[in-house]
Amino acid sequence: MSKGNAGGMLGVGGTRAKLSRGALRGGGAADRGGPGRSEARERRRELLRRFQERAHEK
């Protein structure tokens, strides 16, 4: 008898959704998330832009 089979609970985790490579990288999710998602995205872009400017100053 094998040891690490967790009592025969093999494959209980469910099935994985098929996601495209673009969806895995954040594309195609514009219709999900509801309001506020684009604002958060803009804040992240602005923060990244500021970090990049500081990196170029040094």
PDB file of N, CA and C in Angstrom:
ATOM      1  N   MET A   1       0.840  -1.188   0.000  1.00  0.00           N
ATOM      2  CA  MET A   1       0.000   0.000   0.000  1.00  0.00           C
ATOM      3  C   MET A   1       0.883   1.249   0.000  1.00  0.00           C
ATOM      4  N   SER A   2       0.536   2.232  -0.796  1.00  0.00           N
ATOM      5  CA  SER A   2       1.360   3.434  -0.860  1.00  0.00           C
ATOM      6  C   SER A   2       1.058   4.366   0.307  1.00  0.00           C
ATOM      7  N   LYS A   3       2.034   5.192   0.638  1.00  0.00           N
ATOM      8  CA  LYS A   3       1.887   6.018   1.831  1.00  0.00           C
ATOM      9  C   LYS A   3       1.126   7.325   1.586  1.00  0.00           C
ATOM     10  N   GLY A   4       1.501   8.204   0.747  1.00  0.00           N
ATOM     11  CA  GLY A   4       0.953   9.565   0.717  1.00  0.00           C
ATOM     12  C   GLY A   4      -0.263   9.780  -0.134  1.00  0.00           C
ATOM     13  N   ASN A   5      -1.258   8.936  -0.075  1.00  0.00           N
ATOM     14  CA  ASN A   5      -2.430   9.080  -0.941  1.00  0.00           C
ATOM     15  C   ASN A   5      -3.582   9.807  -0.263  1.00  0.00           C
ATOM     16  N   ALA A   6      -3.432  10.274   0.943  1.00  0.00           N
ATOM     17  CA  ALA A   6      -4.457  11.026   1.679  1.00  0.00           C
ATOM     18  C   ALA A   6      -5.770  10.258   1.764  1.00  0.00           C
ATOM     19  N   GLY A   7      -5.700   8.963   2.002  1.00  0.00           N
ATOM     20  CA  GLY A   7      -6.922   8.178   2.176  1.00  0.00           C
ATOM     21  C   GLY A   7      -7.698   7.966   0.896  1.00  0.00           C
ATOM     22  N   GLY A   8      -7.043   7.972  -0.248  1.00  0.00           N
ATOM     23  CA  GLY A   8      -7.719   7.724  -1.514  1.00  0.00           C
ATOM     24  C   GLY A   8      -8.461   8.927  -2.054  1.00  0.00           C
ATOM     25  N   MET A   9      -8.137  10.133  -1.611  1.00  0.00           N
ATOM     26  CA  MET A   9      -8.822  11.339  -2.062  1.00  0.00           C
ATOM     27  C   MET A   9      -8.100  11.935  -3.273  1.00  0.00           C
ATOM     28  N   LEU A  10      -7.904  11.133  -4.263  1.00  0.00           N
ATOM     29  CA  LEU A  10      -7.163  11.577  -5.426  1.00  0.00           C
ATOM     30  C   LEU A  10      -8.063  12.392  -6.364  1.00  0.00           C
ATOM     31  N   GLY A  11      -7.624  13.566  -6.763  1.00  0.00           N
ATOM     32  CA  GLY A  11      -8.353  14.367  -7.728  1.00  0.00           C
ATOM     33  C   GLY A  11      -9.598  15.037  -7.188  1.00  0.00           C
ATOM     34  N   VAL A  12      -9.635  15.377  -5.929  1.00  0.00           N
ATOM     35  CA  VAL A  12     -10.826  15.961  -5.335  1.00  0.00           C
ATOM     36  C   VAL A  12     -10.899  17.464  -5.561  1.00  0.00           C
ATOM     37  N   GLY A  13      -9.823  18.076  -5.978  1.00  0.00           N
ATOM     38  CA  GLY A  13      -9.754  19.524  -6.065  1.00  0.00           C
ATOM     39  C   GLY A  13     -10.602  20.173  -7.141  1.00  0.00           C
ATOM     40  N   GLY A  14     -11.240  19.434  -7.965  1.00  0.00           N
ATOM     41  CA  GLY A  14     -12.054  20.035  -9.024  1.00  0.00           C
ATOM     42  C   GLY A  14     -11.264  20.174 -10.309  1.00  0.00           C
ATOM     43  N   THR A  15     -11.900  20.710 -11.323  1.00  0.00           N
ATOM     44  CA  THR A  15     -11.226  20.850 -12.609  1.00  0.00           C
ATOM     45  C   THR A  15     -10.724  22.265 -12.780  1.00  0.00           C
ATOM     46  N   ARG A  16      -9.710  22.394 -13.540  1.00  0.00           N
ATOM     47  CA  ARG A  16      -9.100  23.687 -13.784  1.00  0.00           C
ATOM     48  C   ARG A  16      -9.744  24.362 -14.978  1.00  0.00           C
ATOM     49  N   ALA A  17     -10.019  25.635 -14.860  1.00  0.00           N
ATOM     50  CA  ALA A  17     -10.606  26.367 -15.985  1.00  0.00           C
ATOM     51  C   ALA A  17      -9.555  26.538 -17.077  1.00  0.00           C
ATOM     52  N   LYS A  18      -9.969  26.430 -18.303  1.00  0.00           N
ATOM     53  CA  LYS A  18      -9.058  26.616 -19.420  1.00  0.00           C
ATOM     54  C   LYS A  18      -8.916  28.109 -19.675  1.00  0.00           C
ATOM     55  N   LEU A  19      -7.743  28.641 -19.399  1.00  0.00           N
ATOM     56  CA  LEU A  19      -7.505  30.061 -19.600  1.00  0.00           C
ATOM     57  C   LEU A  19      -6.481  30.252 -20.696  1.00  0.00           C
ATOM     58  N   SER A  20      -6.710  31.237 -21.530  1.00  0.00           N
ATOM     59  CA  SER A  20      -5.732  31.540 -22.560  1.00  0.00           C
ATOM     60  C   SER A  20      -4.515  32.196 -21.942  1.00  0.00           C
ATOM     61  N   ARG A  21      -3.445  32.260 -22.683  1.00  0.00           N
ATOM     62  CA  ARG A  21      -2.227  32.883 -22.175  1.00  0.00           C
ATOM     63  C   ARG A  21      -2.463  34.358 -21.874  1.00  0.00           C
ATOM     64  N   GLY A  22      -3.230  35.034 -22.721  1.00  0.00           N
ATOM     65  CA  GLY A  22      -3.534  36.438 -22.473  1.00  0.00           C
ATOM     66  C   GLY A  22      -4.369  36.645 -21.216  1.00  0.00           C
ATOM     67  N   ALA A  23      -5.319  35.751 -20.978  1.00  0.00           N
ATOM     68  CA  ALA A  23      -6.147  35.861 -19.779  1.00  0.00           C
ATOM     69  C   ALA A  23      -5.321  35.624 -18.519  1.00  0.00           C
ATOM     70  N   LEU A  24      -4.349  34.730 -18.605  1.00  0.00           N
ATOM     71  CA  LEU A  24      -3.485  34.490 -17.457  1.00  0.00           C
ATOM     72  C   LEU A  24      -2.648  35.712 -17.120  1.00  0.00           C
ATOM     73  N   ARG A  25      -2.361  36.519 -18.130  1.00  0.00           N
ATOM     74  CA  ARG A  25      -1.547  37.714 -17.910  1.00  0.00           C
ATOM     75  C   ARG A  25      -2.384  38.949 -17.637  1.00  0.00           C
ATOM     76  N   GLY A  26      -3.650  38.790 -17.420  1.00  0.00           N
ATOM     77  CA  GLY A  26      -4.473  39.919 -17.027  1.00  0.00           C
ATOM     78  C   GLY A  26      -5.357  40.465 -18.116  1.00  0.00           C
ATOM     79  N   GLY A  27      -5.228  40.021 -19.327  1.00  0.00           N
ATOM     80  CA  GLY A  27      -6.085  40.499 -20.403  1.00  0.00           C
ATOM     81  C   GLY A  27      -7.416  39.782 -20.396  1.00  0.00           C
ATOM     82  N   GLY A  28      -8.412  40.378 -20.974  1.00  0.00           N
ATOM     83  CA  GLY A  28      -9.705  39.733 -21.091  1.00  0.00           C
ATOM     84  C   GLY A  28     -10.525  39.732 -19.824  1.00  0.00           C
ATOM     85  N   ALA A  29     -10.094  40.424 -18.809  1.00  0.00           N
ATOM     86  CA  ALA A  29     -10.830  40.456 -17.552  1.00  0.00           C
ATOM     87  C   ALA A  29     -11.538  41.791 -17.360  1.00  0.00           C
ATOM     88  N   ALA A  30     -11.685  42.556 -18.409  1.00  0.00           N
ATOM     89  CA  ALA A  30     -12.285  43.882 -18.287  1.00  0.00           C
ATOM     90  C   ALA A  30     -13.767  43.802 -17.938  1.00  0.00           C
ATOM     91  N   ASP A  31     -14.427  42.740 -18.384  1.00  0.00           N
ATOM     92  CA  ASP A  31     -15.853  42.637 -18.090  1.00  0.00           C
ATOM     93  C   ASP A  31     -16.103  42.127 -16.674  1.00  0.00           C
ATOM     94  N   ARG A  32     -15.089  41.563 -16.030  1.00  0.00           N
ATOM     95  CA  ARG A  32     -15.250  41.086 -14.662  1.00  0.00           C
ATOM     96  C   ARG A  32     -14.739  42.121 -13.675  1.00  0.00           C
ATOM     97  N   GLY A  33     -15.154  42.026 -12.442  1.00  0.00           N
ATOM     98  CA  GLY A  33     -14.606  42.874 -11.404  1.00  0.00           C
ATOM     99  C   GLY A  33     -15.468  44.040 -11.021  1.00  0.00           C
ATOM    100  N   GLY A  34     -16.312  44.485 -11.893  1.00  0.00           N
ATOM    101  CA  GLY A  34     -17.212  45.568 -11.549  1.00  0.00           C
ATOM    102  C   GLY A  34     -16.528  46.914 -11.475  1.00  0.00           C
ATOM    103  N   PRO A  35     -17.197  47.891 -10.883  1.00  0.00           N
ATOM    104  CA  PRO A  35     -16.645  49.237 -10.819  1.00  0.00           C
ATOM    105  C   PRO A  35     -15.435  49.313  -9.894  1.00  0.00           C
ATOM    106  N   GLY A  36     -14.542  50.217 -10.226  1.00  0.00           N
ATOM    107  CA  GLY A  36     -13.371  50.411  -9.394  1.00  0.00           C
ATOM    108  C   GLY A  36     -12.140  49.680  -9.880  1.00  0.00           C
ATOM    109  N   ARG A  37     -12.322  48.699 -10.749  1.00  0.00           N
ATOM    110  CA  ARG A  37     -11.166  47.953 -11.232  1.00  0.00           C
ATOM    111  C   ARG A  37     -10.282  48.809 -12.110  1.00  0.00           C
ATOM    112  N   SER A  38     -10.883  49.618 -12.988  1.00  0.00           N
ATOM    113  CA  SER A  38     -10.077  50.455 -13.864  1.00  0.00           C
ATOM    114  C   SER A  38      -9.364  51.546 -13.069  1.00  0.00           C
ATOM    115  N   GLU A  39      -9.994  52.024 -11.999  1.00  0.00           N
ATOM    116  CA  GLU A  39      -9.337  53.027 -11.153  1.00  0.00           C
ATOM    117  C   GLU A  39      -8.112  52.440 -10.471  1.00  0.00           C
ATOM    118  N   ALA A  40      -8.231  51.225  -9.985  1.00  0.00           N
ATOM    119  CA  ALA A  40      -7.097  50.563  -9.345  1.00  0.00           C
ATOM    120  C   ALA A  40      -5.983  50.329 -10.361  1.00  0.00           C
ATOM    121  N   ARG A  41      -6.357  49.978 -11.573  1.00  0.00           N
ATOM    122  CA  ARG A  41      -5.364  49.758 -12.626  1.00  0.00           C
ATOM    123  C   ARG A  41      -4.631  51.055 -12.942  1.00  0.00           C
ATOM    124  N   GLU A  42      -5.366  52.146 -13.000  1.00  0.00           N
ATOM    125  CA  GLU A  42      -4.740  53.445 -13.272  1.00  0.00           C
ATOM    126  C   GLU A  42      -3.787  53.847 -12.152  1.00  0.00           C
ATOM    127  N   ARG A  43      -4.179  53.592 -10.905  1.00  0.00           N
ATOM    128  CA  ARG A  43      -3.284  53.910  -9.779  1.00  0.00           C
ATOM    129  C   ARG A  43      -1.996  53.104  -9.863  1.00  0.00           C
ATOM    130  N   ARG A  44      -2.117  51.830 -10.231  1.00  0.00           N
ATOM    131  CA  ARG A  44      -0.916  50.993 -10.368  1.00  0.00           C
ATOM    132  C   ARG A  44      -0.028  51.504 -11.486  1.00  0.00           C
ATOM    133  N   ARG A  45      -0.623  51.906 -12.601  1.00  0.00           N
ATOM    134  CA  ARG A  45       0.171  52.440 -13.717  1.00  0.00           C
ATOM    135  C   ARG A  45       0.887  53.725 -13.327  1.00  0.00           C
ATOM    136  N   GLU A  46       0.194  54.583 -12.608  1.00  0.00           N
ATOM    137  CA  GLU A  46       0.800  55.835 -12.156  1.00  0.00           C
ATOM    138  C   GLU A  46       1.956  55.562 -11.194  1.00  0.00           C
ATOM    139  N   LEU A  47       1.777  54.637 -10.295  1.00  0.00           N
ATOM    140  CA  LEU A  47       2.831  54.278  -9.358  1.00  0.00           C
ATOM    141  C   LEU A  47       4.037  53.709 -10.100  1.00  0.00           C
ATOM    142  N   LEU A  48       3.796  52.855 -11.060  1.00  0.00           N
ATOM    143  CA  LEU A  48       4.879  52.284 -11.850  1.00  0.00           C
ATOM    144  C   LEU A  48       5.616  53.377 -12.612  1.00  0.00           C
ATOM    145  N   ARG A  49       4.870  54.323 -13.166  1.00  0.00           N
ATOM    146  CA  ARG A  49       5.496  55.421 -13.905  1.00  0.00           C
ATOM    147  C   ARG A  49       6.411  56.235 -12.990  1.00  0.00           C
ATOM    148  N   ARG A  50       5.942  56.511 -11.749  1.00  0.00           N
ATOM    149  CA  ARG A  50       6.763  57.258 -10.797  1.00  0.00           C
ATOM    150  C   ARG A  50       8.028  56.495 -10.428  1.00  0.00           C
ATOM    151  N   PHE A  51       7.899  55.182 -10.223  1.00  0.00           N
ATOM    152  CA  PHE A  51       9.077  54.368  -9.909  1.00  0.00           C
ATOM    153  C   PHE A  51      10.082  54.405 -11.052  1.00  0.00           C
ATOM    154  N   GLN A  52       9.584  54.321 -12.277  1.00  0.00           N
ATOM    155  CA  GLN A  52      10.478  54.340 -13.433  1.00  0.00           C
ATOM    156  C   GLN A  52      11.167  55.691 -13.570  1.00  0.00           C
ATOM    157  N   GLU A  53      10.456  56.781 -13.302  1.00  0.00           N
ATOM    158  CA  GLU A  53      11.072  58.108 -13.364  1.00  0.00           C
ATOM    159  C   GLU A  53      12.186  58.229 -12.333  1.00  0.00           C
ATOM    160  N   ARG A  54      11.940  57.734 -11.109  1.00  0.00           N
ATOM    161  CA  ARG A  54      12.964  57.790 -10.067  1.00  0.00           C
ATOM    162  C   ARG A  54      14.176  56.960 -10.439  1.00  0.00           C
ATOM    163  N   ALA A  55      13.958  55.833 -11.084  1.00  0.00           N
ATOM    164  CA  ALA A  55      15.066  54.962 -11.484  1.00  0.00           C
ATOM    165  C   ALA A  55      15.923  55.642 -12.535  1.00  0.00           C
ATOM    166  N   HIS A  56      15.300  56.426 -13.418  1.00  0.00           N
ATOM    167  CA  HIS A  56      16.058  57.111 -14.473  1.00  0.00           C
ATOM    168  C   HIS A  56      16.795  58.336 -13.949  1.00  0.00           C
ATOM    169  N   GLU A  57      16.332  58.903 -12.851  1.00  0.00           N
ATOM    170  CA  GLU A  57      16.995  60.084 -12.278  1.00  0.00           C
ATOM    171  C   GLU A  57      18.354  59.742 -11.693  1.00  0.00           C
ATOM    172  N   LYS A  58      18.479  58.546 -11.147  1.00  0.00           N
ATOM    173  CA  LYS A  58      19.719  58.157 -10.462  1.00  0.00           C
ATOM    174  C   LYS A  58      20.797  57.750 -11.429  1.00  0.00           C
TER     175      LYS A  58
END
